[in-house]
Amino acid sequence: MLSTSESVSSAASETAKGLLCGICIEVPWPPVESACCGHVFCADCLAKLHASSRANGHSPKCPFCRATPVAAHPSKALARMLGSIVAPCVFCAERVPAKHRETHKKTVCPRAPKDAACPKPACSFRAVGPESPEMLLHLVSAHAGDLLQATAALYRTRALEPIRDEFAKDKDPTMPRVNAKGHLARLGETGSYYCGQPLDRRCYCCNGYCGPTNGVNCDACFDLDFVVKGLPEGFRLNGNGVVCRLDPRSGSDGNGGVYYCGRKLSMHSENYCAASSAKQCRACKRLNKNPNNLRRHDFQDDDGDDNDDDEDGSDEDDDE
């Protein structure tokens, strides 16, 4: 025969089965009651439902009666009744009171996903676990552009892995190589790789082909240059095949800086290509026109204007 305390606990457990959160299907804590149909939810579950609906441009709806907007208010009576209900943790099966469930998940449970912040530094969004549906929904709705760029960079890196492995074996920066598109590429007079195939997009400074000896190269050959020359983050190649460095302290463009190669502007000049826009070579000037271009190379603006040189046709900017 059950004791009085056991009978009360059993009755409370049976009552709780009819009061499970309509979203997570657990004993709701802290419990809130919907104003539209009287169903009970966890306050956090309902808040996440509101956030995800608004992120998708929709008005939050009640999961049961579909009323909108859905409003709810805390229930002290339910909190007193449900707070001591013991139920197994959905991750580790340890039995814990409802009022201690979230603390258990965050600090005790070895299997529960921990609270994670959005990977974008300036974003304050948090979700339970970095791979949770809430986090993915947030990334897609709030940071779609960043997500697409990161995905493109990931696949680009994976495509370069065979080339990196091959170069790691021979470590020969002079030999011809097959680029990621399967075309044989050779070094041109600029020191960059060229395969002679049509370029990936429009270019106004050449005949529209990758090389074969100078000018703009295609994306696949451009990636070859990065692998063979071992360029770290913050370095690129300009249209002359010269390594350029990003100065993050200069400029206000999308990359937060200006690229420069540090080479002498001309044989008769005492000036060198620097972060200052007043003292830059032609190739670095063109690179800085559109530093956020996925191509990251010496393509001209869509207006076709390639005349950013001095009137005397020299490669040097005006001396002071």
Protein backbone atom coordinates (compact mmCIF):
# COMPACT_ATOMS: atom_id res chain seq x y z
CA MET A 1 0.00 0.00 0.00
CA LEU A 2 1.34 3.43 -0.95
CA SER A 3 2.11 5.97 1.74
CA THR A 4 0.37 9.33 1.76
CA SER A 5 3.43 11.10 0.32
CA GLU A 6 3.82 8.47 -2.41
CA SER A 7 0.13 8.74 -3.28
CA VAL A 8 0.37 12.51 -3.59
CA SER A 9 3.51 12.21 -5.73
CA SER A 10 1.86 9.61 -7.97
CA ALA A 11 -1.26 11.73 -8.37
CA ALA A 12 0.84 14.76 -9.20
CA SER A 13 2.77 12.77 -11.80
CA GLU A 14 -0.46 11.60 -13.44
CA THR A 15 -1.77 15.17 -13.44
CA ALA A 16 1.48 16.41 -14.98
CA LYS A 17 1.04 14.05 -17.94
CA GLY A 18 -1.90 16.14 -19.05
CA LEU A 19 0.03 19.35 -18.57
CA LEU A 20 3.14 18.70 -20.66
CA CYS A 21 4.56 21.58 -22.67
CA GLY A 22 3.02 21.56 -26.13
CA ILE A 23 6.40 22.31 -27.71
CA CYS A 24 9.11 20.25 -25.93
CA ILE A 25 6.68 17.62 -24.49
CA GLU A 26 8.29 17.88 -21.06
CA VAL A 27 6.94 19.03 -17.71
CA PRO A 28 6.73 22.80 -18.36
CA TRP A 29 9.10 24.99 -16.40
CA PRO A 30 8.63 27.80 -15.71
CA PRO A 31 5.01 27.19 -16.78
CA VAL A 32 3.01 29.77 -18.70
CA GLU A 33 -0.61 29.43 -19.78
CA SER A 34 -1.81 30.62 -23.19
CA ALA A 35 -4.56 33.22 -23.11
CA CYS A 36 -6.21 31.83 -26.24
CA CYS A 37 -6.84 28.17 -25.40
CA GLY A 38 -5.40 27.61 -21.92
CA HIS A 39 -2.66 25.19 -22.92
CA VAL A 40 0.58 25.18 -20.95
CA PHE A 41 4.10 25.78 -22.25
CA CYS A 42 7.59 26.36 -20.94
CA ALA A 43 8.29 30.10 -20.93
CA ASP A 44 11.57 29.54 -22.84
CA CYS A 45 9.93 27.30 -25.44
CA LEU A 46 7.29 29.92 -26.19
CA ALA A 47 9.93 32.67 -26.35
CA LYS A 48 11.94 30.65 -28.91
CA LEU A 49 8.76 30.08 -30.93
CA HIS A 50 8.19 33.86 -31.01
CA ALA A 51 11.80 34.51 -32.05
CA SER A 52 11.85 31.96 -34.88
CA SER A 53 8.48 33.13 -36.24
CA ARG A 54 9.57 36.77 -36.31
CA ALA A 55 12.90 35.80 -37.90
CA ASN A 56 10.92 34.29 -40.78
CA GLY A 57 8.66 37.31 -41.05
CA HIS A 58 5.58 35.61 -39.57
CA SER A 59 3.37 36.42 -36.63
CA PRO A 60 3.68 33.83 -33.82
CA LYS A 61 0.79 31.35 -33.67
CA CYS A 62 -0.40 29.11 -30.86
CA PRO A 63 0.80 25.53 -31.58
CA PHE A 64 -2.66 24.20 -30.62
CA CYS A 65 -5.43 26.55 -31.72
CA ARG A 66 -3.28 28.57 -34.22
CA ALA A 67 -4.49 31.84 -32.73
CA THR A 68 -2.31 34.84 -33.48
CA PRO A 69 -0.73 36.64 -31.83
CA VAL A 70 -0.21 34.09 -29.08
CA ALA A 71 -0.09 35.56 -25.58
CA ALA A 72 0.62 33.76 -22.32
CA HIS A 73 0.90 34.59 -18.65
CA PRO A 74 2.80 32.89 -15.77
CA SER A 75 0.80 30.53 -13.57
CA LYS A 76 1.87 30.49 -9.91
CA ALA A 77 -0.53 27.65 -9.10
CA LEU A 78 0.96 25.45 -11.82
CA ALA A 79 4.47 26.41 -10.72
CA ARG A 80 3.75 25.20 -7.17
CA MET A 81 2.25 21.95 -8.44
CA LEU A 82 4.74 21.13 -11.21
CA GLY A 83 7.98 22.40 -9.68
CA SER A 84 8.50 19.29 -7.56
CA ILE A 85 7.45 16.79 -10.25
CA VAL A 86 10.39 14.44 -10.84
CA ALA A 87 10.97 13.38 -14.44
CA PRO A 88 13.92 11.77 -16.28
CA CYS A 89 16.32 14.04 -18.15
CA VAL A 90 15.84 13.55 -21.88
CA PHE A 91 19.64 13.38 -22.36
CA CYS A 92 21.00 11.29 -19.48
CA ALA A 93 17.79 9.81 -17.96
CA GLU A 94 18.66 11.04 -14.48
CA ARG A 95 15.48 11.91 -12.54
CA VAL A 96 15.38 15.57 -11.53
CA PRO A 97 12.63 17.95 -10.34
CA ALA A 98 11.19 20.16 -13.06
CA LYS A 99 12.32 23.33 -11.30
CA HIS A 100 15.95 22.11 -11.39
CA ARG A 101 15.83 20.71 -14.94
CA GLU A 102 17.51 23.63 -16.76
CA THR A 103 20.24 23.92 -14.13
CA HIS A 104 20.85 20.19 -14.45
CA LYS A 105 21.17 20.42 -18.25
CA LYS A 106 23.56 23.38 -18.13
CA THR A 107 25.85 22.30 -15.27
CA VAL A 108 25.42 18.60 -14.45
CA CYS A 109 24.21 16.57 -17.44
CA PRO A 110 27.20 15.22 -19.41
CA ARG A 111 25.18 14.69 -22.61
CA ALA A 112 23.08 17.85 -22.87
CA PRO A 113 24.17 20.40 -25.49
CA LYS A 114 25.47 23.49 -23.75
CA ASP A 115 24.36 27.06 -24.34
CA ALA A 116 26.22 28.48 -27.33
CA ALA A 117 26.61 31.98 -28.72
CA CYS A 118 26.21 32.94 -32.36
CA PRO A 119 29.61 32.56 -34.08
CA LYS A 120 29.41 36.11 -35.42
CA PRO A 121 31.26 38.25 -32.84
CA ALA A 122 28.91 41.24 -32.88
CA CYS A 123 25.73 39.12 -32.51
CA SER A 124 24.20 38.55 -29.07
CA PHE A 125 21.97 35.61 -30.08
CA ARG A 126 22.29 32.44 -27.99
CA ALA A 127 20.83 28.95 -28.39
CA VAL A 128 21.07 25.57 -26.72
CA GLY A 129 23.94 24.02 -28.65
CA PRO A 130 25.96 25.34 -31.64
CA GLU A 131 24.25 22.83 -33.98
CA SER A 132 20.71 23.21 -32.66
CA PRO A 133 17.79 23.95 -35.04
CA GLU A 134 17.39 27.35 -33.36
CA MET A 135 20.99 28.29 -34.15
CA LEU A 136 20.71 27.13 -37.76
CA LEU A 137 17.46 29.05 -38.23
CA HIS A 138 19.10 32.16 -36.77
CA LEU A 139 22.15 31.88 -39.08
CA VAL A 140 19.98 31.43 -42.18
CA SER A 141 17.64 34.30 -41.34
CA ALA A 142 20.06 36.83 -39.82
CA HIS A 143 23.44 36.05 -41.42
CA ALA A 144 22.60 34.47 -44.79
CA GLY A 145 25.34 36.38 -46.63
CA ASP A 146 28.03 35.35 -44.16
CA LEU A 147 26.77 31.76 -44.22
CA LEU A 148 26.98 31.60 -48.03
CA GLN A 149 30.50 33.07 -48.05
CA ALA A 150 31.67 30.63 -45.38
CA THR A 151 30.15 27.70 -47.31
CA ALA A 152 31.80 28.81 -50.56
CA ALA A 153 35.15 29.15 -48.78
CA LEU A 154 34.75 25.67 -47.27
CA TYR A 155 34.08 24.00 -50.61
CA ARG A 156 36.87 26.00 -52.23
CA THR A 157 39.29 24.80 -49.55
CA ARG A 158 38.20 21.19 -50.03
CA ALA A 159 38.67 21.46 -53.81
CA LEU A 160 42.26 22.61 -53.23
CA GLU A 161 43.17 19.72 -50.93
CA PRO A 162 44.41 17.42 -53.77
CA ILE A 163 46.54 20.25 -55.15
CA ARG A 164 47.98 20.99 -51.70
CA ASP A 165 48.78 17.29 -51.21
CA GLU A 166 50.53 17.11 -54.57
CA PHE A 167 52.57 20.25 -53.91
CA ALA A 168 53.50 18.96 -50.43
CA LYS A 169 55.15 15.95 -52.07
CA ASP A 170 57.33 17.66 -54.66
CA LYS A 171 57.53 21.24 -53.27
CA ASP A 172 58.47 22.45 -56.75
CA PRO A 173 57.04 25.96 -57.44
CA THR A 174 58.18 25.93 -61.08
CA MET A 175 56.57 22.84 -62.60
CA PRO A 176 53.31 22.84 -64.61
CA ARG A 177 50.24 21.73 -62.65
CA VAL A 178 46.65 20.68 -63.28
CA ASN A 179 44.22 23.16 -61.73
CA ALA A 180 40.94 22.33 -59.97
CA LYS A 181 39.08 22.40 -63.32
CA GLY A 182 41.38 19.76 -64.83
CA HIS A 183 43.29 22.12 -67.15
CA LEU A 184 47.06 22.07 -67.43
CA ALA A 185 48.48 25.37 -66.18
CA ARG A 186 51.97 26.77 -66.69
CA LEU A 187 53.81 29.73 -65.22
CA GLY A 188 53.67 32.93 -67.27
CA GLU A 189 56.02 35.89 -67.40
CA THR A 190 54.26 37.42 -64.37
CA GLY A 191 55.01 34.38 -62.20
CA SER A 192 51.32 33.38 -62.10
CA TYR A 193 49.76 30.21 -63.44
CA TYR A 194 47.78 30.31 -66.72
CA CYS A 195 45.79 27.58 -68.47
CA GLY A 196 44.72 29.48 -71.61
CA GLN A 197 41.01 28.78 -71.03
CA PRO A 198 38.24 31.45 -71.06
CA LEU A 199 38.04 33.52 -67.88
CA ASP A 200 35.26 32.91 -65.37
CA ARG A 201 33.87 36.40 -65.79
CA ARG A 202 34.23 39.57 -67.85
CA CYS A 203 37.56 41.38 -67.88
CA TYR A 204 38.30 44.69 -69.63
CA CYS A 205 42.08 44.62 -69.50
CA CYS A 206 42.77 41.55 -71.67
CA ASN A 207 41.28 39.30 -74.37
CA GLY A 208 39.09 37.33 -71.97
CA TYR A 209 41.37 34.31 -71.67
CA CYS A 210 43.55 33.02 -68.85
CA GLY A 211 47.00 34.10 -70.04
CA PRO A 212 48.68 32.34 -71.61
CA THR A 213 51.69 34.37 -70.43
CA ASN A 214 50.41 37.45 -68.60
CA GLY A 215 47.35 39.40 -67.48
CA VAL A 216 44.44 38.07 -65.44
CA ASN A 217 44.22 34.34 -64.73
CA CYS A 218 41.09 32.29 -64.10
CA ASP A 219 39.80 31.36 -60.65
CA ALA A 220 41.29 27.85 -60.76
CA CYS A 221 44.74 29.13 -61.74
CA PHE A 222 44.44 31.91 -59.18
CA ASP A 223 43.92 29.23 -56.52
CA LEU A 224 47.01 27.45 -57.83
CA ASP A 225 49.00 30.62 -57.19
CA PHE A 226 47.73 30.69 -53.60
CA VAL A 227 48.71 27.07 -52.99
CA VAL A 228 52.14 27.19 -54.60
CA LYS A 229 53.11 30.55 -53.15
CA GLY A 230 51.66 29.65 -49.75
CA LEU A 231 49.91 32.95 -49.20
CA PRO A 232 48.56 33.34 -45.64
CA GLU A 233 45.40 35.18 -44.65
CA GLY A 234 45.60 38.90 -45.44
CA PHE A 235 47.71 38.47 -48.60
CA ARG A 236 46.62 38.41 -52.25
CA LEU A 237 48.02 38.66 -55.76
CA ASN A 238 47.46 41.69 -57.95
CA GLY A 239 47.12 41.59 -61.74
CA ASN A 240 50.89 41.57 -62.20
CA GLY A 241 51.21 38.39 -60.15
CA VAL A 242 52.82 40.29 -57.27
CA VAL A 243 52.04 39.43 -53.65
CA CYS A 244 50.09 42.21 -51.89
CA ARG A 245 49.57 42.75 -48.20
CA LEU A 246 46.45 44.09 -46.47
CA ASP A 247 46.96 47.11 -44.21
CA PRO A 248 43.86 46.97 -41.94
CA ARG A 249 44.55 50.43 -40.52
CA SER A 250 44.05 52.24 -43.81
CA GLY A 251 40.94 52.83 -45.87
CA SER A 252 37.27 52.28 -45.07
CA ASP A 253 36.35 49.63 -47.63
CA GLY A 254 34.45 46.42 -46.93
CA ASN A 255 37.65 44.62 -45.94
CA GLY A 256 38.65 47.43 -43.57
CA GLY A 257 41.97 48.14 -45.28
CA VAL A 258 44.02 48.66 -48.42
CA TYR A 259 46.26 46.24 -50.33
CA TYR A 260 49.76 47.24 -51.39
CA CYS A 261 52.77 45.36 -52.81
CA GLY A 262 55.64 47.51 -51.49
CA ARG A 263 57.46 47.57 -54.86
CA LYS A 264 59.14 50.59 -56.38
CA LEU A 265 56.78 52.57 -58.59
CA SER A 266 59.32 53.04 -61.39
CA MET A 267 63.04 52.96 -62.11
CA HIS A 268 63.38 56.72 -61.65
CA SER A 269 61.16 57.10 -58.63
CA GLU A 270 62.01 57.23 -54.95
CA ASN A 271 58.48 56.18 -54.04
CA TYR A 272 57.13 52.71 -53.31
CA CYS A 273 53.65 51.22 -53.52
CA ALA A 274 52.19 51.79 -50.06
CA ALA A 275 48.86 51.71 -48.27
CA SER A 276 48.38 55.40 -49.05
CA SER A 277 46.18 55.73 -52.13
CA ALA A 278 48.41 58.55 -53.34
CA LYS A 279 51.38 56.20 -53.71
CA GLN A 280 50.25 52.96 -55.28
CA CYS A 281 51.07 51.04 -58.42
CA ARG A 282 48.40 50.51 -61.07
CA ALA A 283 47.77 46.84 -60.26
CA CYS A 284 47.22 47.50 -56.55
CA LYS A 285 44.97 50.46 -57.35
CA ARG A 286 42.76 48.20 -59.45
CA LEU A 287 42.74 45.50 -56.80
CA ASN A 288 41.57 48.03 -54.20
CA LYS A 289 38.72 49.22 -56.42
CA ASN A 290 36.78 46.12 -55.48
CA PRO A 291 38.58 44.22 -52.69
CA ASN A 292 35.42 42.28 -51.78
CA ASN A 293 35.17 40.72 -55.23
CA LEU A 294 34.99 36.93 -54.92
CA ARG A 295 37.66 36.80 -57.63
CA ARG A 296 40.05 38.92 -55.50
CA HIS A 297 42.04 39.85 -58.57
CA ASP A 298 42.65 42.50 -61.18
CA PHE A 299 39.22 42.67 -62.86
CA GLN A 300 38.00 46.11 -63.77
CA ASP A 301 34.74 47.81 -62.74
CA ASP A 302 31.63 47.00 -64.75
CA ASP A 303 31.75 50.37 -66.47
CA GLY A 304 34.83 49.20 -68.36
CA ASP A 305 36.96 52.10 -67.16
CA ASP A 306 40.55 50.96 -66.96
CA ASN A 307 42.09 54.41 -67.04
CA ASP A 308 43.36 54.98 -63.54
CA ASP A 309 46.91 55.77 -64.60
CA ASP A 310 48.64 59.10 -64.75
CA GLU A 311 48.34 61.25 -67.83
CA ASP A 312 51.96 60.65 -68.77
CA GLY A 313 51.31 56.92 -68.94
CA SER A 314 53.90 56.09 -66.33
CA ASP A 315 53.41 53.53 -63.59
CA GLU A 316 54.19 56.13 -60.96
CA ASP A 317 51.85 58.49 -59.17
CA ASP A 318 52.60 62.17 -59.07
CA ASP A 319 55.54 62.98 -56.83
CA GLU A 320 55.28 65.73 -54.35
